[in-house]
Amino acid sequence: MKPNLYPPLVLDRGRESLISSSGALLLRETIRVSTLGRALSQVLTPWRSPRSIHDPGKVLIDLATAVALGGDCAADLAVVRAQPALFGLVASDPTVSRLVTTLAGDVENVLPAIRQARAQARAAVWTRRRPLAGRSGSRDGGQVIVDLDSTLVTAHSDKELAEPTYKRTFGFAPMCVFVDHGEDGTGEPLVLELRSGKASPFDKQDHITALDHALAQLPAAERGQVLVRTDSGGCSKAFLHHITDAGLEYSIGFPAHDTVKAAIEAIPVRAWRAAIDSDGESRDGAQVAELTAWMPEPTRATRPGPQDWPDGMRVIVRRERPHPGAQLRLTDADGWRITCFATNTRGPGWTLPVLEVRHRQRARAEDRIRALKDTGMRNLPFHGFAQNQIWLEIVSLAAELLAWTQTLAWDERAQVRRWEPKRLRLRILAVAGRIVHTGRRWLLRLPRGWPHNQLIDTAWTALRAA
């Protein structure tokens, strides 16, 4: 007989008062430090019923907490409701449903109100500890990189404005805007704009609107040093002029059309420079060059809006031998994989390889989108379009609570600052605990052998001192 590798346990039908999400105590402290709860309560006062028991701001915070803990629908609020010793009084499902319906009925005014509260909380967090490298108000490593990207969210049932998408799926195509924390962190969402499924990833007006809303989310002192980064979906004359007129920098994917092919054929061999990786080391088989001087005269636009590209725009190309087995695209040339981007960045230190690797790090936006889909955005739970807009604000709140907790609780050199939500939940938030009453105090005790107790202790000390 083989020995039993596990201790012989039997499920006892008795129940004890335990906390199953003890790590969420850190989220609660982040809410206090950021003043997010107070800000939401203030801006949502007009939509509070005179006889209501539950504050609308507290309800949204509880929903965001449930999503941060891994929930993906309003019914998952039951996990938070089951731990009143940690989260206090939590609204019932019917109360939550009525509130979301009320907010959705005036969504044009509710969304700006919620975003105003989020911006106030973000300013408070960034004042205490800036999540970016460098100094605020300077371009010496303090540049604020804002990434824009659209994504697809599948709808598995018939929902308002859910439509076939350009990738032959069915659902929605939200526009997402993030601020990149760089190598020592993750990032945080600034704006999640819900769009119908047939919305184009190249829509210039959607890019302009999303950027304006994102800039309003940043602290005022940070808005003058923004770099806007996106793929070729944002490469329109109107969008680039909008960025330039705002006095901002950009790094935008540039389509490798015939004009680019003509420039690549005309460029001399000595113009190519070795590309580098993010660690500054040379990248084998990759080269970069500037095409601006060899670009043919562009075709003037026939649609309303700017007719020419903005002054000061540079076009930079990168070529690399594709990995074995990869198929070449129609835009590739002579066995090289060709990618281009446009930028207006100039100045000492901004060499072609540095500019190229900065643009290539736009791939972090894909990581942020994946993390959001692990934090409530994979499924939009309501039928109404306006209700799902409210849900995306709740998803933003959840993602911000996680990112702000990492920023405030741990030093920038700590690995935990770079953990994605899935790992953060497993190691920090999902630890069980027991509440004990001793010496006129309520104490939360964690398991003795939990491998990440030291991280939790460090975070608690930092947040209580904030």
Protein backbone atom coordinates (compact mmCIF):
# COMPACT_ATOMS: atom_id res chain seq x y z
CA MET A 1 0.00 0.00 0.00
CA LYS A 2 1.32 3.44 -0.90
CA PRO A 3 1.65 5.87 2.02
CA ASN A 4 -0.72 8.84 2.16
CA LEU A 5 1.27 11.93 1.20
CA TYR A 6 -1.20 14.32 2.84
CA PRO A 7 -2.27 14.73 6.49
CA PRO A 8 -5.53 12.87 7.24
CA LEU A 9 -8.07 15.69 7.44
CA VAL A 10 -11.86 15.55 7.68
CA LEU A 11 -14.07 18.57 6.98
CA ASP A 12 -15.74 19.70 10.19
CA ARG A 13 -19.25 21.10 9.82
CA GLY A 14 -18.53 23.58 12.57
CA ARG A 15 -17.62 27.14 11.56
CA GLU A 16 -15.24 29.75 12.99
CA SER A 17 -14.92 33.50 12.59
CA LEU A 18 -11.91 33.82 10.28
CA ILE A 19 -10.73 36.38 7.75
CA SER A 20 -10.08 34.80 4.37
CA SER A 21 -8.61 37.91 2.72
CA SER A 22 -6.39 39.35 5.41
CA GLY A 23 -4.07 40.98 2.90
CA ALA A 24 -6.95 43.24 1.87
CA LEU A 25 -6.23 45.16 5.07
CA LEU A 26 -3.47 46.79 3.00
CA LEU A 27 -6.04 47.86 0.40
CA ARG A 28 -8.12 49.38 3.17
CA GLU A 29 -5.12 51.38 4.36
CA THR A 30 -4.45 52.55 0.80
CA ILE A 31 -8.02 53.81 0.59
CA ARG A 32 -7.44 55.80 3.77
CA VAL A 33 -4.08 57.23 2.71
CA SER A 34 -5.29 58.19 -0.77
CA THR A 35 -8.54 59.72 0.61
CA LEU A 36 -10.31 57.85 -2.21
CA GLY A 37 -13.29 56.85 -0.07
CA ARG A 38 -13.92 60.41 1.13
CA ALA A 39 -13.52 61.81 -2.39
CA LEU A 40 -16.00 59.33 -3.88
CA SER A 41 -18.52 59.98 -1.12
CA GLN A 42 -18.37 63.71 -1.80
CA VAL A 43 -18.76 63.58 -5.58
CA LEU A 44 -21.54 60.96 -5.50
CA THR A 45 -23.67 62.75 -2.91
CA PRO A 46 -26.16 64.01 -5.58
CA TRP A 47 -27.05 60.40 -6.40
CA ARG A 48 -27.61 59.27 -2.81
CA SER A 49 -31.19 58.62 -1.79
CA PRO A 50 -32.28 60.67 1.26
CA ARG A 51 -33.23 57.52 3.21
CA SER A 52 -30.38 55.30 2.05
CA ILE A 53 -28.18 53.55 4.61
CA HIS A 54 -25.26 52.81 2.32
CA ASP A 55 -23.04 55.58 0.99
CA PRO A 56 -22.62 55.30 -2.83
CA GLY A 57 -18.89 55.93 -2.53
CA LYS A 58 -18.52 53.09 -0.02
CA VAL A 59 -20.51 50.77 -2.29
CA LEU A 60 -18.19 51.46 -5.24
CA ILE A 61 -15.15 51.00 -3.00
CA ASP A 62 -16.49 47.65 -1.81
CA LEU A 63 -17.13 46.56 -5.40
CA ALA A 64 -13.62 47.65 -6.40
CA THR A 65 -12.20 45.70 -3.44
CA ALA A 66 -14.08 42.58 -4.52
CA VAL A 67 -12.70 42.96 -8.04
CA ALA A 68 -9.17 43.54 -6.71
CA LEU A 69 -9.50 40.29 -4.76
CA GLY A 70 -10.33 38.44 -7.98
CA GLY A 71 -14.06 38.98 -8.52
CA ASP A 72 -15.47 39.54 -11.99
CA CYS A 73 -19.12 40.37 -11.35
CA ALA A 74 -21.24 42.26 -8.81
CA ALA A 75 -22.31 38.99 -7.12
CA ASP A 76 -18.70 38.46 -6.00
CA LEU A 77 -19.29 41.24 -3.49
CA ALA A 78 -20.49 38.39 -1.26
CA VAL A 79 -16.84 37.63 -0.48
CA VAL A 80 -16.42 41.12 0.96
CA ARG A 81 -19.79 41.07 2.69
CA ALA A 82 -18.84 37.84 4.48
CA GLN A 83 -15.96 39.61 6.29
CA PRO A 84 -17.62 42.49 8.18
CA ALA A 85 -14.85 42.63 10.77
CA LEU A 86 -12.51 43.74 7.97
CA PHE A 87 -14.75 45.64 5.57
CA GLY A 88 -17.59 46.86 7.77
CA LEU A 89 -21.21 47.02 6.63
CA VAL A 90 -21.51 46.03 2.95
CA ALA A 91 -24.56 46.60 0.78
CA SER A 92 -26.78 43.74 -0.39
CA ASP A 93 -26.96 42.67 -4.02
CA PRO A 94 -30.34 44.41 -4.62
CA THR A 95 -28.94 47.65 -3.15
CA VAL A 96 -25.90 47.44 -5.41
CA SER A 97 -28.10 46.76 -8.43
CA ARG A 98 -30.29 49.79 -7.68
CA LEU A 99 -27.26 52.03 -7.24
CA VAL A 100 -25.65 50.95 -10.52
CA THR A 101 -28.97 51.54 -12.30
CA THR A 102 -29.25 54.99 -10.75
CA LEU A 103 -25.71 55.94 -11.72
CA ALA A 104 -26.16 54.58 -15.24
CA GLY A 105 -29.28 56.71 -15.67
CA ASP A 106 -27.12 59.85 -15.43
CA VAL A 107 -23.86 58.41 -16.75
CA GLU A 108 -22.85 61.60 -18.58
CA ASN A 109 -22.49 63.35 -15.20
CA VAL A 110 -21.51 60.35 -13.08
CA LEU A 111 -18.41 59.42 -15.08
CA PRO A 112 -16.77 62.87 -14.72
CA ALA A 113 -17.61 62.83 -11.01
CA ILE A 114 -16.00 59.43 -10.42
CA ARG A 115 -12.97 60.42 -12.48
CA GLN A 116 -12.62 63.62 -10.50
CA ALA A 117 -12.42 61.58 -7.29
CA ARG A 118 -9.89 59.23 -8.86
CA ALA A 119 -7.74 62.17 -9.97
CA GLN A 120 -7.80 63.64 -6.44
CA ALA A 121 -6.74 60.30 -4.95
CA ARG A 122 -4.00 59.87 -7.55
CA ALA A 123 -2.60 63.31 -6.72
CA ALA A 124 -2.55 62.39 -3.02
CA VAL A 125 -0.71 59.13 -3.71
CA TRP A 126 1.82 60.70 -6.07
CA THR A 127 2.47 63.47 -3.55
CA ARG A 128 3.41 60.90 -0.92
CA ARG A 129 5.47 58.70 -3.23
CA ARG A 130 5.88 59.30 -6.94
CA PRO A 131 5.72 55.94 -8.74
CA LEU A 132 8.05 57.10 -11.53
CA ALA A 133 11.78 57.58 -11.63
CA GLY A 134 13.25 61.09 -11.66
CA ARG A 135 11.91 64.34 -10.30
CA SER A 136 8.44 65.77 -10.86
CA GLY A 137 8.44 68.75 -13.19
CA SER A 138 11.68 67.74 -14.92
CA ARG A 139 12.56 65.65 -17.95
CA ASP A 140 15.65 64.24 -16.23
CA GLY A 141 14.27 60.72 -15.93
CA GLY A 142 10.94 62.06 -14.76
CA GLN A 143 9.05 61.78 -18.03
CA VAL A 144 5.48 60.55 -17.69
CA ILE A 145 4.85 57.92 -20.38
CA VAL A 146 1.19 57.55 -21.28
CA ASP A 147 0.28 54.48 -23.36
CA LEU A 148 -2.89 54.25 -25.45
CA ASP A 149 -4.18 50.99 -26.87
CA SER A 150 -7.52 49.47 -27.78
CA THR A 151 -8.48 45.93 -26.93
CA LEU A 152 -11.39 43.55 -27.45
CA VAL A 153 -13.68 42.24 -24.72
CA THR A 154 -15.81 39.27 -25.71
CA ALA A 155 -19.53 39.26 -24.91
CA HIS A 156 -20.96 35.78 -24.46
CA SER A 157 -24.56 36.99 -24.58
CA ASP A 158 -26.52 39.73 -26.30
CA LYS A 159 -25.65 43.05 -24.65
CA GLU A 160 -26.34 46.63 -25.62
CA LEU A 161 -23.90 47.79 -28.37
CA ALA A 162 -22.07 44.45 -28.36
CA GLU A 163 -21.25 43.92 -32.03
CA PRO A 164 -18.99 41.92 -34.34
CA THR A 165 -15.41 43.16 -34.11
CA TYR A 166 -12.69 43.50 -36.74
CA LYS A 167 -11.16 40.24 -35.46
CA ARG A 168 -14.41 38.37 -36.07
CA THR A 169 -15.32 38.12 -32.42
CA PHE A 170 -18.40 39.57 -30.73
CA GLY A 171 -18.32 42.15 -27.96
CA PHE A 172 -16.77 45.54 -27.22
CA ALA A 173 -13.61 47.45 -28.15
CA PRO A 174 -12.66 49.68 -25.18
CA MET A 175 -9.89 52.27 -25.52
CA CYS A 176 -7.40 51.97 -22.66
CA VAL A 177 -4.92 54.57 -21.41
CA PHE A 178 -2.21 53.77 -18.85
CA VAL A 179 0.71 55.52 -17.21
CA ASP A 180 3.81 53.34 -17.33
CA HIS A 181 5.70 53.06 -14.03
CA GLY A 182 8.83 51.89 -15.82
CA GLU A 183 11.15 49.04 -14.96
CA ASP A 184 10.68 49.36 -11.18
CA GLY A 185 6.90 49.03 -11.19
CA THR A 186 3.84 48.07 -13.19
CA GLY A 187 1.43 50.82 -14.18
CA GLU A 188 -2.00 52.24 -13.47
CA PRO A 189 -5.02 52.92 -15.68
CA LEU A 190 -5.93 56.51 -16.39
CA VAL A 191 -8.97 56.02 -18.62
CA LEU A 192 -11.02 53.05 -19.83
CA GLU A 193 -13.41 54.27 -22.54
CA LEU A 194 -16.05 51.68 -23.42
CA ARG A 195 -16.79 51.52 -27.15
CA SER A 196 -19.04 49.37 -29.29
CA GLY A 197 -17.60 46.28 -30.94
CA LYS A 198 -17.36 47.83 -34.39
CA ALA A 199 -15.29 50.81 -33.16
CA SER A 200 -12.09 51.15 -35.14
CA PRO A 201 -8.65 50.94 -33.46
CA PHE A 202 -7.62 53.75 -35.85
CA ASP A 203 -10.34 56.24 -34.85
CA LYS A 204 -8.52 59.56 -34.43
CA GLN A 205 -11.29 61.26 -32.46
CA ASP A 206 -11.39 58.40 -29.96
CA HIS A 207 -7.64 58.76 -29.46
CA ILE A 208 -7.95 62.52 -28.94
CA THR A 209 -10.81 62.16 -26.45
CA ALA A 210 -9.07 59.39 -24.51
CA LEU A 211 -5.84 61.41 -24.29
CA ASP A 212 -7.65 64.52 -23.04
CA HIS A 213 -9.42 62.52 -20.35
CA ALA A 214 -6.13 60.84 -19.40
CA LEU A 215 -4.27 64.12 -19.02
CA ALA A 216 -7.01 65.33 -16.67
CA GLN A 217 -6.27 62.29 -14.48
CA LEU A 218 -2.63 63.25 -13.97
CA PRO A 219 -1.51 65.65 -11.22
CA ALA A 220 -1.24 69.16 -12.64
CA ALA A 221 2.54 69.32 -12.14
CA GLU A 222 3.01 66.19 -14.25
CA ARG A 223 1.07 67.16 -17.36
CA GLY A 224 3.83 69.19 -18.99
CA GLN A 225 6.29 66.30 -19.29
CA VAL A 226 4.12 63.66 -20.91
CA LEU A 227 5.22 61.33 -23.69
CA VAL A 228 2.29 59.84 -25.61
CA ARG A 229 3.03 56.35 -26.87
CA THR A 230 0.85 54.11 -29.00
CA ASP A 231 0.92 51.76 -31.97
CA SER A 232 0.11 52.64 -35.57
CA GLY A 233 -3.58 52.84 -34.68
CA GLY A 234 -2.84 56.32 -33.32
CA CYS A 235 -0.82 57.45 -36.34
CA SER A 236 -3.13 60.11 -37.77
CA LYS A 237 -2.27 63.68 -38.68
CA ALA A 238 -5.09 65.00 -36.50
CA PHE A 239 -3.88 63.08 -33.40
CA LEU A 240 -0.23 64.05 -33.86
CA HIS A 241 -1.18 67.70 -34.35
CA HIS A 242 -3.30 67.51 -31.19
CA ILE A 243 -0.31 66.18 -29.22
CA THR A 244 2.05 68.77 -30.71
CA ASP A 245 -0.34 71.66 -30.04
CA ALA A 246 -0.49 70.56 -26.39
CA GLY A 247 3.30 70.84 -26.15
CA LEU A 248 3.78 67.12 -25.51
CA GLU A 249 6.11 64.53 -26.97
CA TYR A 250 5.05 61.40 -28.80
CA SER A 251 6.33 58.03 -29.97
CA ILE A 252 3.74 56.61 -32.37
CA GLY A 253 3.89 53.53 -34.57
CA PHE A 254 4.21 54.55 -38.23
CA PRO A 255 2.80 52.29 -40.99
CA ALA A 256 5.44 50.85 -43.32
CA HIS A 257 3.73 51.89 -46.54
CA ASP A 258 5.25 52.54 -49.97
CA THR A 259 6.79 55.85 -48.88
CA VAL A 260 8.71 54.03 -46.14
CA LYS A 261 9.85 51.34 -48.57
CA ALA A 262 11.12 54.03 -50.96
CA ALA A 263 13.03 55.71 -48.13
CA ILE A 264 14.59 52.42 -46.99
CA GLU A 265 15.80 51.78 -50.54
CA ALA A 266 17.32 55.27 -50.71
CA ILE A 267 19.02 55.30 -47.31
CA PRO A 268 22.81 54.74 -47.38
CA VAL A 269 24.27 51.74 -45.57
CA ARG A 270 26.28 53.94 -43.20
CA ALA A 271 23.05 55.43 -41.79
CA TRP A 272 22.19 52.22 -39.94
CA ARG A 273 23.10 51.92 -36.26
CA ALA A 274 23.09 48.85 -34.01
CA ALA A 275 19.92 48.51 -31.95
CA ILE A 276 20.05 47.90 -28.21
CA ASP A 277 17.98 46.05 -25.61
CA SER A 278 16.45 47.64 -22.52
CA ASP A 279 19.61 46.86 -20.55
CA GLY A 280 21.69 48.92 -22.99
CA GLU A 281 23.44 45.93 -24.56
CA SER A 282 23.62 45.56 -28.33
CA ARG A 283 20.75 43.55 -29.86
CA ASP A 284 22.03 40.90 -32.21
CA GLY A 285 20.77 41.19 -35.79
CA ALA A 286 18.83 44.45 -35.29
CA GLN A 287 19.57 47.93 -36.64
CA VAL A 288 17.92 51.35 -36.57
CA ALA A 289 18.10 54.40 -38.83
CA GLU A 290 16.33 57.71 -39.31
CA LEU A 291 14.28 57.99 -42.49
CA THR A 292 13.15 61.61 -42.19
CA ALA A 293 15.54 63.05 -44.77
CA TRP A 294 14.78 60.29 -47.29
CA MET A 295 10.99 60.26 -46.98
CA PRO A 296 9.21 61.22 -50.24
CA GLU A 297 6.82 64.15 -50.28
CA PRO A 298 3.73 62.87 -48.43
CA THR A 299 0.33 62.76 -50.05
CA ARG A 300 -1.88 65.54 -48.74
CA ALA A 301 -5.00 64.41 -46.90
CA THR A 302 -8.33 64.69 -48.67
CA ARG A 303 -10.46 64.50 -45.53
CA PRO A 304 -11.21 67.43 -43.21
CA GLY A 305 -8.49 68.23 -40.68
CA PRO A 306 -4.73 68.79 -40.87
CA GLN A 307 -3.33 68.25 -44.35
CA ASP A 308 0.32 67.65 -43.40
CA TRP A 309 2.30 65.94 -40.67
CA PRO A 310 3.29 68.24 -37.78
CA ASP A 311 6.58 70.12 -37.91
CA GLY A 312 9.49 68.44 -36.18
CA MET A 313 8.24 64.89 -36.78
CA ARG A 314 10.97 62.28 -37.21
CA VAL A 315 10.46 58.83 -38.75
CA ILE A 316 12.73 56.10 -37.41
CA VAL A 317 12.92 52.56 -38.80
CA ARG A 318 14.10 49.35 -37.20
CA ARG A 319 15.04 46.26 -39.14
CA GLU A 320 15.72 42.84 -37.69
CA ARG A 321 16.16 39.36 -39.01
CA PRO A 322 13.02 37.40 -38.08
CA HIS A 323 13.46 34.37 -35.88
CA PRO A 324 13.63 30.97 -37.60
CA GLY A 325 10.24 29.86 -38.87
CA ALA A 326 8.65 33.33 -38.79
CA GLN A 327 6.80 34.40 -41.92
CA LEU A 328 7.69 37.70 -43.53
CA ARG A 329 4.97 40.30 -43.97
CA LEU A 330 4.11 42.30 -47.07
CA THR A 331 5.75 45.36 -45.50
CA ASP A 332 9.06 43.55 -44.90
CA ALA A 333 11.96 44.02 -47.30
CA ASP A 334 14.93 41.89 -48.39
CA GLY A 335 14.45 39.38 -45.60
CA TRP A 336 14.31 42.07 -42.85
CA ARG A 337 11.39 42.55 -40.48
CA ILE A 338 10.59 46.28 -40.79
CA THR A 339 8.91 48.40 -38.07
CA CYS A 340 8.70 52.20 -37.95
CA PHE A 341 7.64 54.87 -35.50
CA ALA A 342 7.32 58.66 -35.50
CA THR A 343 8.58 60.91 -32.71
CA ASN A 344 9.31 64.56 -32.04
CA THR A 345 11.87 63.91 -29.27
CA ARG A 346 15.22 65.61 -29.75
CA GLY A 347 18.08 66.56 -27.48
CA PRO A 348 21.24 65.24 -25.86
CA GLY A 349 21.18 61.57 -24.99
CA TRP A 350 18.22 60.71 -27.21
CA THR A 351 20.15 58.65 -29.74
CA LEU A 352 18.36 56.51 -32.33
CA PRO A 353 18.88 53.24 -30.39
CA VAL A 354 17.59 54.84 -27.17
CA LEU A 355 14.51 56.24 -28.91
CA GLU A 356 13.82 52.88 -30.52
CA VAL A 357 14.05 50.86 -27.31
CA ARG A 358 11.83 53.42 -25.58
CA HIS A 359 9.19 52.89 -28.24
CA ARG A 360 9.55 49.11 -28.14
CA GLN A 361 8.76 49.19 -24.42
CA ARG A 362 5.24 50.13 -25.47
CA ALA A 363 4.66 46.37 -25.22
CA ARG A 364 4.14 46.96 -21.49
CA ALA A 365 0.69 48.27 -22.38
CA GLU A 366 -0.20 44.73 -23.44
CA ASP A 367 0.83 43.55 -19.97
CA ARG A 368 -1.42 46.18 -18.39
CA ILE A 369 -4.36 45.06 -20.55
CA ARG A 370 -3.78 41.44 -19.60
CA ALA A 371 -3.69 42.44 -15.93
CA LEU A 372 -6.95 44.36 -16.34
CA LYS A 373 -8.61 41.32 -17.85
CA ASP A 374 -7.49 39.45 -14.72
CA THR A 375 -9.08 42.26 -12.69
CA GLY A 376 -12.66 42.38 -13.87
CA MET A 377 -12.41 43.50 -17.51
CA ARG A 378 -12.56 40.06 -19.09
CA ASN A 379 -16.32 40.05 -18.63
CA LEU A 380 -18.68 43.04 -18.66
CA PRO A 381 -21.45 41.70 -16.43
CA PHE A 382 -24.38 44.00 -17.22
CA HIS A 383 -26.69 44.18 -20.22
CA GLY A 384 -26.88 47.95 -20.50
CA PHE A 385 -24.04 49.90 -22.10
CA ALA A 386 -24.16 52.63 -19.44
CA GLN A 387 -24.03 50.07 -16.62
CA ASN A 388 -20.95 48.52 -18.21
CA GLN A 389 -19.37 51.97 -18.40
CA ILE A 390 -19.81 52.19 -14.63
CA TRP A 391 -18.30 48.71 -14.32
CA LEU A 392 -15.16 49.84 -16.18
CA GLU A 393 -14.78 52.66 -13.64
CA ILE A 394 -14.97 50.03 -10.89
CA VAL A 395 -12.29 48.01 -12.71
CA SER A 396 -10.13 51.15 -12.89
CA LEU A 397 -10.58 51.69 -9.15
CA ALA A 398 -9.59 48.09 -8.43
CA ALA A 399 -6.46 48.28 -10.59
CA GLU A 400 -5.51 51.61 -9.04
CA LEU A 401 -5.90 50.26 -5.51
CA LEU A 402 -3.50 47.43 -6.33
CA ALA A 403 -0.97 49.73 -8.03
CA TRP A 404 -1.16 52.39 -5.31
CA THR A 405 -0.72 49.77 -2.60
CA GLN A 406 2.44 48.55 -4.31
CA THR A 407 3.69 52.13 -4.67
CA LEU A 408 3.03 53.22 -1.10
CA ALA A 409 3.84 50.00 0.75
CA TRP A 410 7.15 48.86 -0.71
CA ASP A 411 10.41 50.38 -1.79
CA GLU A 412 11.02 50.74 -5.53
CA ARG A 413 13.78 48.11 -5.36
CA ALA A 414 11.43 45.44 -4.01
CA GLN A 415 10.37 42.70 -6.42
CA VAL A 416 6.79 42.94 -5.14
CA ARG A 417 6.50 46.35 -6.85
CA ARG A 418 6.60 44.51 -10.19
CA TRP A 419 4.16 41.72 -9.37
CA GLU A 420 1.03 41.54 -11.51
CA PRO A 421 -2.37 41.28 -9.79
CA LYS A 422 -2.59 37.50 -10.07
CA ARG A 423 0.62 36.97 -8.12
CA LEU A 424 -0.17 39.76 -5.66
CA ARG A 425 -3.47 38.09 -4.80
CA LEU A 426 -1.94 34.66 -4.29
CA ARG A 427 0.94 35.79 -2.09
CA ILE A 428 -0.35 38.86 -0.26
CA LEU A 429 -4.12 39.36 -0.44
CA ALA A 430 -5.38 35.78 -0.10
CA VAL A 431 -3.71 34.97 3.24
CA ALA A 432 -6.16 33.91 5.94
CA GLY A 433 -6.12 35.32 9.46
CA ARG A 434 -7.88 35.38 12.79
CA ILE A 435 -9.13 38.44 14.66
CA VAL A 436 -8.50 38.36 18.39
CA HIS A 437 -9.52 40.83 21.10
CA THR A 438 -6.90 41.54 23.72
CA GLY A 439 -5.93 44.51 25.82
CA ARG A 440 -8.79 46.65 24.48
CA ARG A 441 -7.48 46.15 20.95
CA TRP A 442 -8.57 44.09 17.97
CA LEU A 443 -5.63 42.28 16.40
CA LEU A 444 -5.41 40.45 13.08
CA ARG A 445 -3.11 37.46 13.34
CA LEU A 446 -1.66 35.79 10.26
CA PRO A 447 -0.50 32.17 9.87
CA ARG A 448 2.86 31.56 11.51
CA GLY A 449 4.41 29.84 8.49
CA TRP A 450 3.17 32.10 5.69
CA PRO A 451 6.22 32.71 3.46
CA HIS A 452 5.37 36.35 2.73
CA ASN A 453 4.66 37.59 6.27
CA GLN A 454 7.66 39.91 6.17
CA LEU A 455 6.35 41.65 3.03
CA ILE A 456 2.97 42.13 4.68
CA ASP A 457 4.58 43.50 7.86
CA THR A 458 6.70 45.92 5.81
CA ALA A 459 3.66 47.10 3.88
CA TRP A 460 1.58 47.59 7.04
CA THR A 461 4.31 49.65 8.70
CA ALA A 462 4.77 51.85 5.61
CA LEU A 463 1.05 52.47 5.12
CA ARG A 464 0.39 53.25 8.77
CA ALA A 465 3.20 55.79 8.71
CA ALA A 466 1.92 57.45 5.53
